[in-house]
Protein backbone atom coordinates (compact mmCIF):
# COMPACT_ATOMS: atom_id res chain seq x y z
CA MET A 1 37.37 71.79 -106.78
CA MET A 2 39.09 68.46 -107.25
CA THR A 3 40.87 67.57 -110.45
CA TYR A 4 39.47 65.08 -112.93
CA GLU A 5 42.21 62.62 -111.94
CA GLN A 6 41.28 62.92 -108.26
CA CYS A 7 37.62 62.44 -109.09
CA VAL A 8 38.24 59.29 -111.12
CA SER A 9 40.59 57.95 -108.46
CA GLU A 10 37.91 58.37 -105.80
CA LEU A 11 35.30 56.78 -108.03
CA TYR A 12 37.49 53.75 -108.70
CA ASN A 13 38.13 53.40 -104.98
CA THR A 14 34.40 53.11 -104.40
CA PRO A 15 33.53 49.42 -103.89
CA LEU A 16 32.69 47.90 -107.26
CA PHE A 17 30.39 45.41 -105.63
CA GLY A 18 29.15 45.11 -102.09
CA GLU A 19 25.82 45.36 -100.38
CA LYS A 20 23.32 46.87 -102.78
CA THR A 21 21.43 49.95 -101.68
CA SER A 22 17.78 49.06 -101.23
CA LEU A 23 15.50 50.66 -103.79
CA ASP A 24 13.50 52.23 -100.95
CA SER A 25 16.62 53.91 -99.52
CA LEU A 26 17.75 54.98 -102.98
CA SER A 27 14.31 56.46 -103.67
CA GLU A 28 14.47 58.41 -100.40
CA PHE A 29 17.88 59.79 -101.35
CA LEU A 30 16.77 60.74 -104.87
CA GLU A 31 14.11 63.00 -103.36
CA VAL A 32 16.98 65.28 -102.36
CA ILE A 33 17.85 65.84 -106.03
CA ASN A 34 14.21 66.35 -107.12
CA ASN A 35 13.46 62.78 -108.17
CA PRO A 36 15.07 62.67 -111.62
CA HIS A 37 13.97 59.04 -112.01
CA GLU A 38 10.35 60.24 -111.95
CA SER A 39 10.68 63.21 -114.29
CA LEU A 40 12.75 61.58 -117.06
CA GLN A 41 11.38 59.24 -119.73
CA PHE A 42 13.13 55.89 -120.14
CA ILE A 43 13.50 52.87 -122.35
CA HIS A 44 14.84 50.24 -119.93
CA VAL A 45 16.94 47.41 -121.40
CA ALA A 46 17.92 44.17 -119.63
CA GLY A 47 19.40 40.86 -120.77
CA THR A 48 22.67 38.98 -120.92
CA ASN A 49 23.77 39.70 -124.48
CA GLY A 50 22.78 42.45 -126.90
CA LYS A 51 21.90 45.21 -124.43
CA GLY A 52 24.68 47.50 -125.60
CA SER A 53 23.86 46.99 -129.27
CA ILE A 54 20.17 47.77 -128.83
CA CYS A 55 20.90 50.80 -126.64
CA ALA A 56 23.33 52.20 -129.20
CA MET A 57 20.85 51.67 -132.05
CA LEU A 58 17.97 53.31 -130.18
CA ALA A 59 20.08 56.28 -129.13
CA SER A 60 21.36 56.77 -132.67
CA ILE A 61 17.89 56.58 -134.23
CA TYR A 62 16.31 59.02 -131.80
CA GLN A 63 19.25 61.42 -132.06
CA SER A 64 19.02 61.33 -135.87
CA ALA A 65 15.31 62.14 -135.54
CA GLY A 66 16.18 65.32 -133.66
CA TYR A 67 15.68 64.28 -130.05
CA LYS A 68 18.06 64.97 -127.17
CA VAL A 69 19.01 61.50 -126.01
CA GLY A 70 20.60 60.43 -122.76
CA LEU A 71 22.43 57.11 -122.81
CA PHE A 72 23.56 55.17 -119.74
CA THR A 73 25.60 52.02 -120.41
CA SER A 74 28.32 49.87 -118.88
CA PRO A 75 31.07 48.85 -118.75
CA HIS A 76 33.36 51.47 -120.27
CA LEU A 77 36.39 50.76 -122.44
CA ILE A 78 38.68 53.73 -121.83
CA SER A 79 37.13 56.26 -119.44
CA VAL A 80 34.22 56.27 -117.03
CA ASN A 81 32.81 59.25 -118.96
CA GLU A 82 31.65 56.79 -121.63
CA ARG A 83 28.93 55.52 -119.31
CA ILE A 84 27.05 58.84 -119.36
CA ARG A 85 26.35 60.33 -122.79
CA ILE A 86 24.04 62.85 -124.38
CA ASN A 87 23.64 62.61 -128.15
CA ASN A 88 26.61 60.26 -128.23
CA VAL A 89 28.92 62.79 -126.53
CA ASN A 90 30.52 61.61 -123.29
CA ILE A 91 29.98 63.71 -120.18
CA SER A 92 32.86 66.19 -120.09
CA ASP A 93 35.63 65.93 -117.51
CA ASP A 94 34.44 69.14 -115.85
CA ASP A 95 30.82 68.02 -115.73
CA LEU A 96 31.85 64.64 -114.35
CA VAL A 97 33.82 66.34 -111.55
CA ASN A 98 31.04 68.84 -110.78
CA THR A 99 28.37 66.15 -110.71
CA TYR A 100 30.50 63.88 -108.54
CA GLU A 101 31.31 66.66 -106.05
CA PHE A 102 27.64 67.67 -105.90
CA LEU A 103 26.69 64.08 -105.09
CA GLN A 104 29.44 63.64 -102.50
CA LYS A 105 28.31 66.74 -100.59
CA LEU A 106 24.81 65.32 -100.41
CA LEU A 107 26.08 61.91 -99.30
CA ALA A 108 28.19 63.54 -96.58
CA ASN A 109 25.17 65.42 -95.20
CA GLN A 110 22.51 62.71 -95.29
CA THR A 111 19.70 63.10 -92.79
CA MET A 112 17.89 59.90 -93.76
CA ASP A 113 17.07 57.20 -91.22
CA HIS A 114 19.07 54.77 -93.35
CA PRO A 115 21.93 56.69 -95.05
CA ILE A 116 23.14 55.12 -98.27
CA ASN A 117 26.69 54.18 -99.14
CA PRO A 118 26.43 53.55 -102.89
CA THR A 119 28.65 51.17 -104.83
CA PHE A 120 30.60 52.33 -107.88
CA PHE A 121 27.79 51.46 -110.27
CA GLU A 122 25.13 53.06 -108.09
CA THR A 123 27.20 56.24 -107.74
CA VAL A 124 27.64 56.61 -111.50
CA PHE A 125 23.95 55.86 -112.04
CA ILE A 126 22.85 58.60 -109.62
CA MET A 127 25.27 60.98 -111.34
CA ALA A 128 23.76 60.07 -114.71
CA LEU A 129 20.21 60.74 -113.51
CA HIS A 130 21.18 64.16 -112.19
CA TYR A 131 23.14 65.01 -115.36
CA PHE A 132 20.30 63.96 -117.68
CA MET A 133 17.72 65.91 -115.67
CA THR A 134 19.93 69.01 -115.51
CA ASN A 135 20.41 68.89 -119.29
CA GLN A 136 16.72 68.26 -119.95
CA VAL A 137 17.06 65.29 -122.28
CA ASP A 138 13.96 64.14 -124.15
CA ILE A 139 14.49 60.43 -123.57
CA VAL A 140 16.95 58.18 -121.73
CA ILE A 141 18.11 54.81 -123.03
CA LEU A 142 18.91 52.97 -119.81
CA GLU A 143 20.91 49.75 -119.65
CA THR A 144 20.70 47.65 -116.50
CA GLY A 145 23.81 46.64 -114.61
CA ILE A 146 23.46 43.13 -113.18
CA GLY A 147 20.11 41.42 -113.54
CA GLY A 148 17.17 43.74 -113.35
CA LEU A 149 14.86 43.05 -110.43
CA LYS A 150 17.29 44.22 -107.73
CA ASP A 151 19.41 46.42 -110.00
CA CYS A 152 19.55 50.08 -108.97
CA THR A 153 18.32 51.13 -112.44
CA ASN A 154 15.03 49.45 -111.54
CA ILE A 155 14.25 52.45 -109.33
CA ILE A 156 12.49 54.03 -112.31
CA PRO A 157 8.76 53.71 -111.64
CA SER A 158 7.24 53.57 -115.10
CA PRO A 159 9.40 53.34 -118.23
CA LEU A 160 7.96 54.05 -121.64
CA LEU A 161 9.06 50.57 -122.62
CA SER A 162 10.94 47.61 -121.13
CA MET A 163 13.17 45.47 -123.35
CA ILE A 164 14.72 42.07 -122.63
CA THR A 165 17.39 40.63 -124.91
CA LEU A 166 19.00 37.19 -124.91
CA VAL A 167 19.05 35.63 -121.44
CA ASP A 168 22.00 33.37 -120.69
CA TYR A 169 24.16 32.31 -117.75
CA ASP A 170 25.82 35.36 -116.19
CA HIS A 171 26.65 36.43 -112.64
CA VAL A 172 25.27 33.12 -111.41
CA GLU A 173 26.55 33.83 -107.90
CA ILE A 174 24.10 36.75 -107.75
CA LEU A 175 21.30 35.93 -110.18
CA GLY A 176 20.98 32.17 -109.73
CA THR A 177 22.45 29.02 -111.22
CA ASP A 178 19.63 28.11 -113.60
CA ILE A 179 18.15 29.91 -116.58
CA GLU A 180 14.70 30.29 -115.03
CA SER A 181 16.11 32.09 -111.97
CA ILE A 182 18.19 34.38 -114.17
CA ALA A 183 15.19 35.10 -116.41
CA ILE A 184 13.11 36.04 -113.35
CA GLN A 185 15.76 38.60 -112.40
CA LYS A 186 15.84 40.06 -115.93
CA ALA A 187 12.03 40.15 -116.12
CA GLY A 188 12.04 42.17 -112.90
CA ILE A 189 12.20 45.36 -114.98
CA ILE A 190 8.65 44.77 -116.27
CA LYS A 191 6.31 47.34 -114.73
CA ASN A 192 2.55 47.68 -114.45
CA ASN A 193 0.91 48.67 -117.74
CA CYS A 194 4.27 49.37 -119.43
CA PRO A 195 4.79 47.60 -122.78
CA VAL A 196 7.52 44.98 -123.15
CA VAL A 197 9.55 44.05 -126.22
CA TYR A 198 11.59 40.89 -125.80
CA MET A 199 13.64 38.48 -127.84
CA LYS A 200 11.97 35.09 -128.22
CA GLN A 201 14.35 32.33 -127.18
CA SER A 202 14.07 29.21 -125.01
CA GLN A 203 10.58 28.26 -123.84
CA ILE A 204 11.65 28.63 -120.21
CA VAL A 205 12.69 32.26 -120.70
CA ASN A 206 9.69 33.07 -122.90
CA ASP A 207 7.30 31.68 -120.28
CA VAL A 208 8.90 33.72 -117.48
CA ILE A 209 8.63 36.96 -119.46
CA GLU A 210 5.11 36.26 -120.70
CA LEU A 211 3.87 35.35 -117.20
CA GLU A 212 5.43 38.41 -115.58
CA SER A 213 3.93 40.62 -118.30
CA GLN A 214 0.54 39.06 -117.69
CA LYS A 215 0.84 39.69 -113.93
CA LYS A 216 1.70 43.33 -114.58
CA ASP A 217 -0.97 43.79 -117.25
CA ALA A 218 1.81 44.78 -119.63
CA ASN A 219 1.40 44.46 -123.39
CA VAL A 220 4.13 42.02 -124.44
CA ILE A 221 5.68 41.72 -127.91
CA GLY A 222 7.95 38.79 -128.73
CA ILE A 223 10.49 39.30 -131.51
CA SER A 224 11.59 36.24 -133.48
CA ASP A 225 13.70 35.68 -136.58
CA ASN A 226 10.64 35.27 -138.81
CA LEU A 227 10.14 39.06 -138.70
CA TYR A 228 13.25 39.89 -140.67
CA LYS A 229 14.93 38.78 -143.88
CA ILE A 230 18.61 39.12 -144.71
CA ASP A 231 18.72 40.34 -148.31
CA THR A 232 22.47 40.50 -148.93
CA LYS A 233 25.53 39.98 -146.77
CA GLY A 234 29.01 41.32 -147.41
CA ILE A 235 32.31 41.17 -145.56
CA LYS A 236 31.46 44.16 -143.40
CA ASN A 237 27.76 44.74 -143.92
CA ILE A 238 24.29 43.21 -143.95
CA ASP A 239 21.31 44.50 -145.93
CA PHE A 240 17.99 43.37 -144.49
CA SER A 241 14.28 44.09 -144.28
CA VAL A 242 11.77 43.84 -141.44
CA LYS A 243 8.04 43.16 -141.55
CA TYR A 244 6.50 44.39 -138.30
CA LYS A 245 2.73 44.28 -137.92
CA TYR A 246 1.38 46.06 -141.03
CA TYR A 247 4.62 47.84 -141.84
CA ASP A 248 7.47 46.88 -144.15
CA TYR A 249 10.88 48.39 -143.36
CA LYS A 250 13.08 47.89 -146.40
CA GLY A 251 16.60 48.90 -147.41
CA LEU A 252 17.98 48.58 -143.87
CA LYS A 253 21.74 48.25 -143.41
CA LEU A 254 24.12 47.24 -140.64
CA LYS A 255 27.87 47.81 -140.72
CA THR A 256 28.60 44.27 -139.55
CA ASN A 257 28.32 40.77 -140.95
CA ALA A 258 27.26 39.21 -137.63
CA ASP A 259 23.78 37.81 -138.16
CA TYR A 260 22.77 38.11 -134.50
CA HIS A 261 22.83 41.91 -134.76
CA VAL A 262 19.87 41.74 -137.14
CA ILE A 263 17.45 40.53 -134.46
CA TYR A 264 18.70 43.26 -132.13
CA ALA A 265 18.04 45.81 -134.88
CA THR A 266 14.58 44.29 -135.34
CA MET A 267 13.92 44.74 -131.62
CA ALA A 268 15.03 48.38 -131.87
CA ILE A 269 12.66 48.92 -134.80
CA ALA A 270 9.81 47.35 -132.82
CA ALA A 271 10.56 49.66 -129.89
CA ILE A 272 10.59 52.74 -132.14
CA HIS A 273 7.32 51.60 -133.70
CA GLU A 274 5.61 51.04 -130.34
CA LEU A 275 6.57 54.52 -129.12
CA LYS A 276 5.84 56.39 -132.34
CA HIS A 277 2.80 58.10 -130.75
CA LEU A 278 5.15 59.69 -128.17
CA PHE A 279 8.36 60.03 -130.16
CA PRO A 280 7.66 60.07 -133.88
CA VAL A 281 10.60 59.08 -136.06
């Protein structure tokens, strides 16, 4: 068994970028580990800004409600373990090593017509899927890497809910040099008959998301700033309320004074509300 330091060293020597593994090839490989992407339940989150905030809020709410919550995010600040969490606890060093070694043995013995050579992000994502399935989590909050349409996280066939945050210029060399092209990539996570919660923003982005939702027969819910009201604001906190459909959520608090976090919290509340028949909170 390799040491944790050896494992991390090998991971970091895996190409960070490079040719993406096709979703078809990735799907074929995942069959070897019993298709975790088909057995787990996901909330899939894409966007340029706000993904991490929404993912953290959703994971915290569901954990507080008693569910076992898997959380996959990027990048990490200190250790790669941060990218794979269950109930806000990083994957342990031993579990990281065991999961990595398990995956490497499978990669070394591929019998597929088109063997895969995953990038760093793809490797960690496959590890996360296996870890979440092995630990039988109730729900996975899944943050995309780059874009959405061609992102390896888009291998999941039918999420409980897709979410799209603020779309802005990022990774233009990959996603496109104009907002419409970037929005098309982000909206690529929208799946047939799977509801969508998105942040209303520029008309170009809104139109892309609404049209893609219409094509996929997906119920789409746009979240705008008229759904919430900031009641009081302190140096390190915001008290606010949200009116969503026929429900009033009052006495809500955030430990920040950044206004933009309120719309992300509103999106999280909308997501929780839309899934209350499956995961009551």
